[in-house]
Amino acid sequence: MQIETKSRIDQLTSPAGHPVTVLRFEGDISSTSRDAVIGAYQGLSKETVKVVLLDFTKVDYINSSGIALVIQMMMEAANMGQKVHAFGLSAHFQKVFTMVGITKYAHLFADQTAALAAL
């Protein structure tokens, strides 16, 4: 049984003082997650948000349709000149994201601390 996808947005500052927007996902990510993934991203200000961190810490499962949504979001961000990074992926999904080419659009980090330190 699929667990509904939820998302929330947090505003943080990197150790270097840069503003960072964090999209935190929870549940499973699939084709039914469009509003939680694409909708949450499209709700961000394209003028002020320059760096987006995707938090997958509370995501247990992402199917191929969910991966397609994440890729679509990352392509939109790249077209808008925004930088995207991700953290909290299991080893399995880090491997999957690398195999499908997501690392062309986003750096993958083990956790939030590592991601913020790199910004």
N, C-alpha and C. Protein backbone atom coordinates (compact mmCIF):
# COMPACT_ATOMS: atom_id res chain seq x y z
N MET A 1 0.83 -1.19 0.00
CA MET A 1 0.00 0.00 0.00
C MET A 1 0.88 1.25 0.00
N GLN A 2 0.56 2.17 -0.87
CA GLN A 2 1.34 3.38 -1.00
C GLN A 2 1.01 4.37 0.12
N ILE A 3 2.05 5.00 0.65
CA ILE A 3 1.88 6.02 1.67
C ILE A 3 1.84 7.38 0.96
N GLU A 4 0.80 8.17 1.25
CA GLU A 4 0.63 9.47 0.61
C GLU A 4 1.87 10.35 0.76
N THR A 5 2.20 11.04 -0.31
CA THR A 5 3.35 11.94 -0.29
C THR A 5 2.95 13.27 0.32
N LYS A 6 3.76 13.72 1.23
CA LYS A 6 3.58 15.05 1.82
C LYS A 6 4.85 15.83 1.57
N SER A 7 4.71 17.14 1.48
CA SER A 7 5.90 17.98 1.36
C SER A 7 5.72 19.23 2.19
N ARG A 8 6.85 19.75 2.64
CA ARG A 8 6.84 21.03 3.33
C ARG A 8 8.11 21.78 2.96
N ILE A 9 8.07 23.08 3.14
CA ILE A 9 9.18 23.93 2.73
C ILE A 9 9.78 24.60 3.96
N ASP A 10 11.10 24.52 4.07
CA ASP A 10 11.83 25.21 5.15
C ASP A 10 12.84 26.16 4.52
N GLN A 11 13.11 27.24 5.21
CA GLN A 11 14.14 28.19 4.78
C GLN A 11 15.31 28.09 5.77
N LEU A 12 16.50 27.82 5.24
CA LEU A 12 17.71 27.71 6.07
C LEU A 12 18.79 28.64 5.53
N THR A 13 19.87 28.73 6.28
CA THR A 13 21.04 29.47 5.82
C THR A 13 22.23 28.53 5.91
N SER A 14 23.02 28.49 4.84
CA SER A 14 24.21 27.63 4.84
C SER A 14 25.26 28.22 5.77
N PRO A 15 26.27 27.41 6.19
CA PRO A 15 27.34 27.95 7.04
C PRO A 15 28.05 29.15 6.39
N ALA A 16 28.02 29.21 5.05
CA ALA A 16 28.65 30.33 4.35
C ALA A 16 27.74 31.55 4.27
N GLY A 17 26.51 31.42 4.80
CA GLY A 17 25.59 32.54 4.83
C GLY A 17 24.63 32.64 3.66
N HIS A 18 24.57 31.60 2.82
CA HIS A 18 23.68 31.61 1.66
C HIS A 18 22.29 31.11 2.05
N PRO A 19 21.25 31.78 1.55
CA PRO A 19 19.88 31.28 1.80
C PRO A 19 19.63 29.99 1.03
N VAL A 20 18.99 29.04 1.68
CA VAL A 20 18.72 27.74 1.08
C VAL A 20 17.26 27.37 1.36
N THR A 21 16.56 26.94 0.33
CA THR A 21 15.19 26.47 0.47
C THR A 21 15.22 24.95 0.48
N VAL A 22 14.59 24.35 1.49
CA VAL A 22 14.57 22.89 1.61
C VAL A 22 13.15 22.39 1.35
N LEU A 23 13.01 21.50 0.37
CA LEU A 23 11.74 20.81 0.13
C LEU A 23 11.85 19.46 0.82
N ARG A 24 11.04 19.25 1.84
CA ARG A 24 11.10 18.01 2.61
C ARG A 24 9.93 17.11 2.20
N PHE A 25 10.27 15.92 1.74
CA PHE A 25 9.26 14.97 1.30
C PHE A 25 9.09 13.86 2.34
N GLU A 26 7.86 13.35 2.41
CA GLU A 26 7.56 12.27 3.34
C GLU A 26 6.56 11.33 2.66
N GLY A 27 6.74 10.03 2.85
CA GLY A 27 5.86 9.04 2.23
C GLY A 27 6.51 8.43 1.01
N ASP A 28 5.69 7.88 0.14
CA ASP A 28 6.19 7.29 -1.10
C ASP A 28 6.04 8.29 -2.24
N ILE A 29 6.96 8.25 -3.20
CA ILE A 29 6.87 9.15 -4.35
C ILE A 29 6.56 8.32 -5.58
N SER A 30 5.41 8.64 -6.20
CA SER A 30 4.95 7.92 -7.39
C SER A 30 4.20 8.89 -8.30
N SER A 31 3.49 8.37 -9.27
CA SER A 31 2.74 9.22 -10.20
C SER A 31 1.68 10.05 -9.48
N THR A 32 1.19 9.59 -8.34
CA THR A 32 0.17 10.34 -7.61
C THR A 32 0.77 11.47 -6.76
N SER A 33 2.07 11.63 -6.82
CA SER A 33 2.77 12.62 -6.00
C SER A 33 3.02 13.95 -6.71
N ARG A 34 2.39 14.13 -7.86
CA ARG A 34 2.64 15.32 -8.68
C ARG A 34 2.49 16.62 -7.89
N ASP A 35 1.40 16.78 -7.16
CA ASP A 35 1.18 18.01 -6.41
C ASP A 35 2.24 18.22 -5.32
N ALA A 36 2.60 17.14 -4.63
CA ALA A 36 3.57 17.24 -3.54
C ALA A 36 4.97 17.53 -4.05
N VAL A 37 5.30 17.07 -5.25
CA VAL A 37 6.65 17.26 -5.80
C VAL A 37 6.68 18.48 -6.71
N ILE A 38 6.02 18.40 -7.85
CA ILE A 38 6.04 19.49 -8.84
C ILE A 38 5.31 20.72 -8.28
N GLY A 39 4.16 20.51 -7.67
CA GLY A 39 3.39 21.62 -7.12
C GLY A 39 4.16 22.38 -6.06
N ALA A 40 4.83 21.67 -5.16
CA ALA A 40 5.62 22.32 -4.11
C ALA A 40 6.75 23.12 -4.74
N TYR A 41 7.43 22.54 -5.71
CA TYR A 41 8.52 23.26 -6.37
C TYR A 41 8.00 24.50 -7.10
N GLN A 42 6.93 24.36 -7.85
CA GLN A 42 6.41 25.48 -8.63
C GLN A 42 5.88 26.60 -7.75
N GLY A 43 5.60 26.32 -6.50
CA GLY A 43 5.17 27.34 -5.57
C GLY A 43 6.29 28.21 -5.03
N LEU A 44 7.53 27.84 -5.33
CA LEU A 44 8.68 28.61 -4.85
C LEU A 44 8.89 29.83 -5.74
N SER A 45 9.38 30.89 -5.16
CA SER A 45 9.69 32.10 -5.92
C SER A 45 10.90 31.87 -6.81
N LYS A 46 10.71 32.02 -8.10
CA LYS A 46 11.83 31.81 -9.03
C LYS A 46 12.82 32.97 -8.98
N GLU A 47 12.38 34.13 -8.47
CA GLU A 47 13.26 35.30 -8.38
C GLU A 47 14.19 35.24 -7.18
N THR A 48 13.69 34.73 -6.06
CA THR A 48 14.50 34.77 -4.83
C THR A 48 15.14 33.44 -4.47
N VAL A 49 14.56 32.32 -4.89
CA VAL A 49 15.12 31.01 -4.54
C VAL A 49 16.18 30.61 -5.57
N LYS A 50 17.42 30.51 -5.11
CA LYS A 50 18.53 30.16 -6.00
C LYS A 50 19.08 28.76 -5.74
N VAL A 51 18.90 28.28 -4.50
CA VAL A 51 19.40 26.96 -4.12
C VAL A 51 18.26 26.18 -3.46
N VAL A 52 18.02 24.97 -3.97
CA VAL A 52 16.97 24.11 -3.44
C VAL A 52 17.59 22.80 -2.98
N LEU A 53 17.33 22.43 -1.74
CA LEU A 53 17.74 21.13 -1.21
C LEU A 53 16.50 20.24 -1.16
N LEU A 54 16.63 19.03 -1.66
CA LEU A 54 15.54 18.06 -1.60
C LEU A 54 15.86 17.07 -0.49
N ASP A 55 14.97 16.99 0.47
CA ASP A 55 15.16 16.11 1.63
C ASP A 55 14.32 14.84 1.44
N PHE A 56 15.01 13.72 1.23
CA PHE A 56 14.36 12.42 1.04
C PHE A 56 14.46 11.55 2.29
N THR A 57 14.84 12.12 3.42
CA THR A 57 15.06 11.36 4.65
C THR A 57 13.85 10.51 5.05
N LYS A 58 12.64 11.03 4.85
CA LYS A 58 11.43 10.32 5.28
C LYS A 58 10.68 9.69 4.10
N VAL A 59 11.42 9.42 3.02
CA VAL A 59 10.83 8.74 1.85
C VAL A 59 11.33 7.30 1.85
N ASP A 60 10.39 6.36 1.85
CA ASP A 60 10.77 4.95 1.85
C ASP A 60 10.83 4.34 0.46
N TYR A 61 10.04 4.89 -0.45
CA TYR A 61 9.92 4.26 -1.76
C TYR A 61 9.70 5.32 -2.84
N ILE A 62 10.40 5.15 -3.95
CA ILE A 62 10.21 6.00 -5.12
C ILE A 62 10.15 5.06 -6.32
N ASN A 63 9.03 5.08 -7.05
CA ASN A 63 8.95 4.23 -8.24
C ASN A 63 9.39 5.02 -9.47
N SER A 64 9.35 4.39 -10.64
CA SER A 64 9.86 5.03 -11.85
C SER A 64 9.08 6.31 -12.19
N SER A 65 7.78 6.32 -11.94
CA SER A 65 6.99 7.53 -12.17
C SER A 65 7.40 8.65 -11.22
N GLY A 66 7.70 8.28 -9.99
CA GLY A 66 8.17 9.26 -9.02
C GLY A 66 9.52 9.83 -9.41
N ILE A 67 10.41 8.97 -9.90
CA ILE A 67 11.72 9.43 -10.36
C ILE A 67 11.54 10.40 -11.53
N ALA A 68 10.60 10.11 -12.42
CA ALA A 68 10.32 11.00 -13.55
C ALA A 68 9.87 12.37 -13.05
N LEU A 69 9.04 12.42 -12.00
CA LEU A 69 8.62 13.70 -11.43
C LEU A 69 9.81 14.47 -10.86
N VAL A 70 10.70 13.78 -10.17
CA VAL A 70 11.88 14.42 -9.60
C VAL A 70 12.76 14.97 -10.72
N ILE A 71 12.94 14.20 -11.79
CA ILE A 71 13.74 14.67 -12.93
C ILE A 71 13.09 15.89 -13.56
N GLN A 72 11.78 15.85 -13.74
CA GLN A 72 11.07 17.00 -14.32
C GLN A 72 11.29 18.26 -13.48
N MET A 73 11.18 18.12 -12.17
CA MET A 73 11.39 19.25 -11.27
C MET A 73 12.82 19.78 -11.39
N MET A 74 13.79 18.88 -11.44
CA MET A 74 15.19 19.29 -11.54
C MET A 74 15.48 19.98 -12.87
N MET A 75 14.85 19.50 -13.94
CA MET A 75 15.04 20.15 -15.25
C MET A 75 14.45 21.56 -15.24
N GLU A 76 13.29 21.72 -14.63
CA GLU A 76 12.69 23.06 -14.50
C GLU A 76 13.62 23.98 -13.72
N ALA A 77 14.16 23.47 -12.62
CA ALA A 77 15.07 24.27 -11.80
C ALA A 77 16.31 24.67 -12.60
N ALA A 78 16.88 23.73 -13.34
CA ALA A 78 18.06 24.04 -14.15
C ALA A 78 17.74 25.11 -15.19
N ASN A 79 16.56 25.01 -15.81
CA ASN A 79 16.15 26.01 -16.80
C ASN A 79 15.96 27.39 -16.18
N MET A 80 15.64 27.43 -14.89
CA MET A 80 15.45 28.70 -14.18
C MET A 80 16.75 29.21 -13.55
N GLY A 81 17.84 28.46 -13.74
CA GLY A 81 19.13 28.87 -13.18
C GLY A 81 19.28 28.56 -11.70
N GLN A 82 18.43 27.69 -11.19
CA GLN A 82 18.51 27.31 -9.78
C GLN A 82 19.40 26.08 -9.62
N LYS A 83 20.08 26.00 -8.50
CA LYS A 83 20.90 24.85 -8.16
C LYS A 83 20.06 23.92 -7.27
N VAL A 84 20.14 22.63 -7.54
CA VAL A 84 19.40 21.64 -6.76
C VAL A 84 20.37 20.62 -6.20
N HIS A 85 20.18 20.27 -4.95
CA HIS A 85 20.96 19.23 -4.29
C HIS A 85 19.98 18.35 -3.54
N ALA A 86 20.37 17.12 -3.27
CA ALA A 86 19.49 16.18 -2.58
C ALA A 86 20.26 15.48 -1.47
N PHE A 87 19.52 15.11 -0.43
CA PHE A 87 20.13 14.34 0.65
C PHE A 87 19.10 13.41 1.26
N GLY A 88 19.59 12.45 2.05
CA GLY A 88 18.70 11.55 2.76
C GLY A 88 18.24 10.36 1.96
N LEU A 89 18.84 10.12 0.81
CA LEU A 89 18.47 8.95 0.00
C LEU A 89 19.13 7.69 0.56
N SER A 90 18.42 6.58 0.51
CA SER A 90 19.02 5.30 0.88
C SER A 90 20.12 4.98 -0.14
N ALA A 91 21.00 4.05 0.20
CA ALA A 91 22.06 3.65 -0.71
C ALA A 91 21.48 3.16 -2.03
N HIS A 92 20.37 2.43 -1.95
CA HIS A 92 19.72 1.93 -3.17
C HIS A 92 19.29 3.08 -4.07
N PHE A 93 18.62 4.08 -3.51
CA PHE A 93 18.13 5.18 -4.34
C PHE A 93 19.25 6.13 -4.77
N GLN A 94 20.34 6.20 -4.01
CA GLN A 94 21.50 6.95 -4.50
C GLN A 94 22.02 6.30 -5.79
N LYS A 95 22.08 4.98 -5.78
CA LYS A 95 22.53 4.23 -6.95
C LYS A 95 21.56 4.43 -8.12
N VAL A 96 20.25 4.33 -7.86
CA VAL A 96 19.25 4.51 -8.90
C VAL A 96 19.33 5.92 -9.48
N PHE A 97 19.39 6.94 -8.62
CA PHE A 97 19.47 8.33 -9.09
C PHE A 97 20.71 8.53 -9.96
N THR A 98 21.82 7.92 -9.59
CA THR A 98 23.04 8.02 -10.39
C THR A 98 22.86 7.33 -11.74
N MET A 99 22.26 6.14 -11.73
CA MET A 99 22.06 5.37 -12.98
C MET A 99 21.16 6.09 -13.97
N VAL A 100 20.12 6.78 -13.48
CA VAL A 100 19.18 7.44 -14.39
C VAL A 100 19.62 8.86 -14.76
N GLY A 101 20.75 9.29 -14.24
CA GLY A 101 21.30 10.58 -14.66
C GLY A 101 20.88 11.79 -13.84
N ILE A 102 20.27 11.58 -12.69
CA ILE A 102 19.86 12.71 -11.87
C ILE A 102 21.06 13.51 -11.40
N THR A 103 22.21 12.87 -11.28
CA THR A 103 23.40 13.58 -10.82
C THR A 103 23.89 14.61 -11.84
N LYS A 104 23.32 14.62 -13.04
CA LYS A 104 23.62 15.70 -13.99
C LYS A 104 22.97 17.00 -13.53
N TYR A 105 21.89 16.88 -12.76
CA TYR A 105 21.14 18.04 -12.31
C TYR A 105 21.34 18.37 -10.83
N ALA A 106 21.77 17.39 -10.05
CA ALA A 106 21.85 17.61 -8.60
C ALA A 106 23.00 16.82 -7.99
N HIS A 107 23.64 17.42 -7.01
CA HIS A 107 24.61 16.68 -6.21
C HIS A 107 23.83 15.93 -5.13
N LEU A 108 24.32 14.74 -4.78
CA LEU A 108 23.69 13.92 -3.75
C LEU A 108 24.56 13.93 -2.50
N PHE A 109 23.94 14.15 -1.36
CA PHE A 109 24.66 14.19 -0.09
C PHE A 109 24.02 13.21 0.89
N ALA A 110 24.82 12.77 1.85
CA ALA A 110 24.32 11.81 2.83
C ALA A 110 23.28 12.43 3.75
N ASP A 111 23.50 13.68 4.16
CA ASP A 111 22.57 14.31 5.09
C ASP A 111 22.56 15.83 4.91
N GLN A 112 21.71 16.48 5.67
CA GLN A 112 21.53 17.92 5.55
C GLN A 112 22.81 18.67 5.90
N THR A 113 23.50 18.23 6.93
CA THR A 113 24.73 18.91 7.36
C THR A 113 25.76 18.91 6.24
N ALA A 114 25.96 17.77 5.60
CA ALA A 114 26.93 17.67 4.50
C ALA A 114 26.49 18.55 3.33
N ALA A 115 25.22 18.56 3.02
CA ALA A 115 24.72 19.37 1.89
C ALA A 115 24.92 20.86 2.18
N LEU A 116 24.55 21.32 3.37
CA LEU A 116 24.70 22.73 3.71
C LEU A 116 26.16 23.15 3.73
N ALA A 117 27.04 22.26 4.23
CA ALA A 117 28.47 22.58 4.29
C ALA A 117 29.07 22.78 2.90
N ALA A 118 28.49 22.12 1.89
CA ALA A 118 29.03 22.22 0.53
C ALA A 118 28.53 23.47 -0.21
N LEU A 119 27.58 24.18 0.37
CA LEU A 119 26.99 25.34 -0.31
C LEU A 119 27.68 26.64 0.08
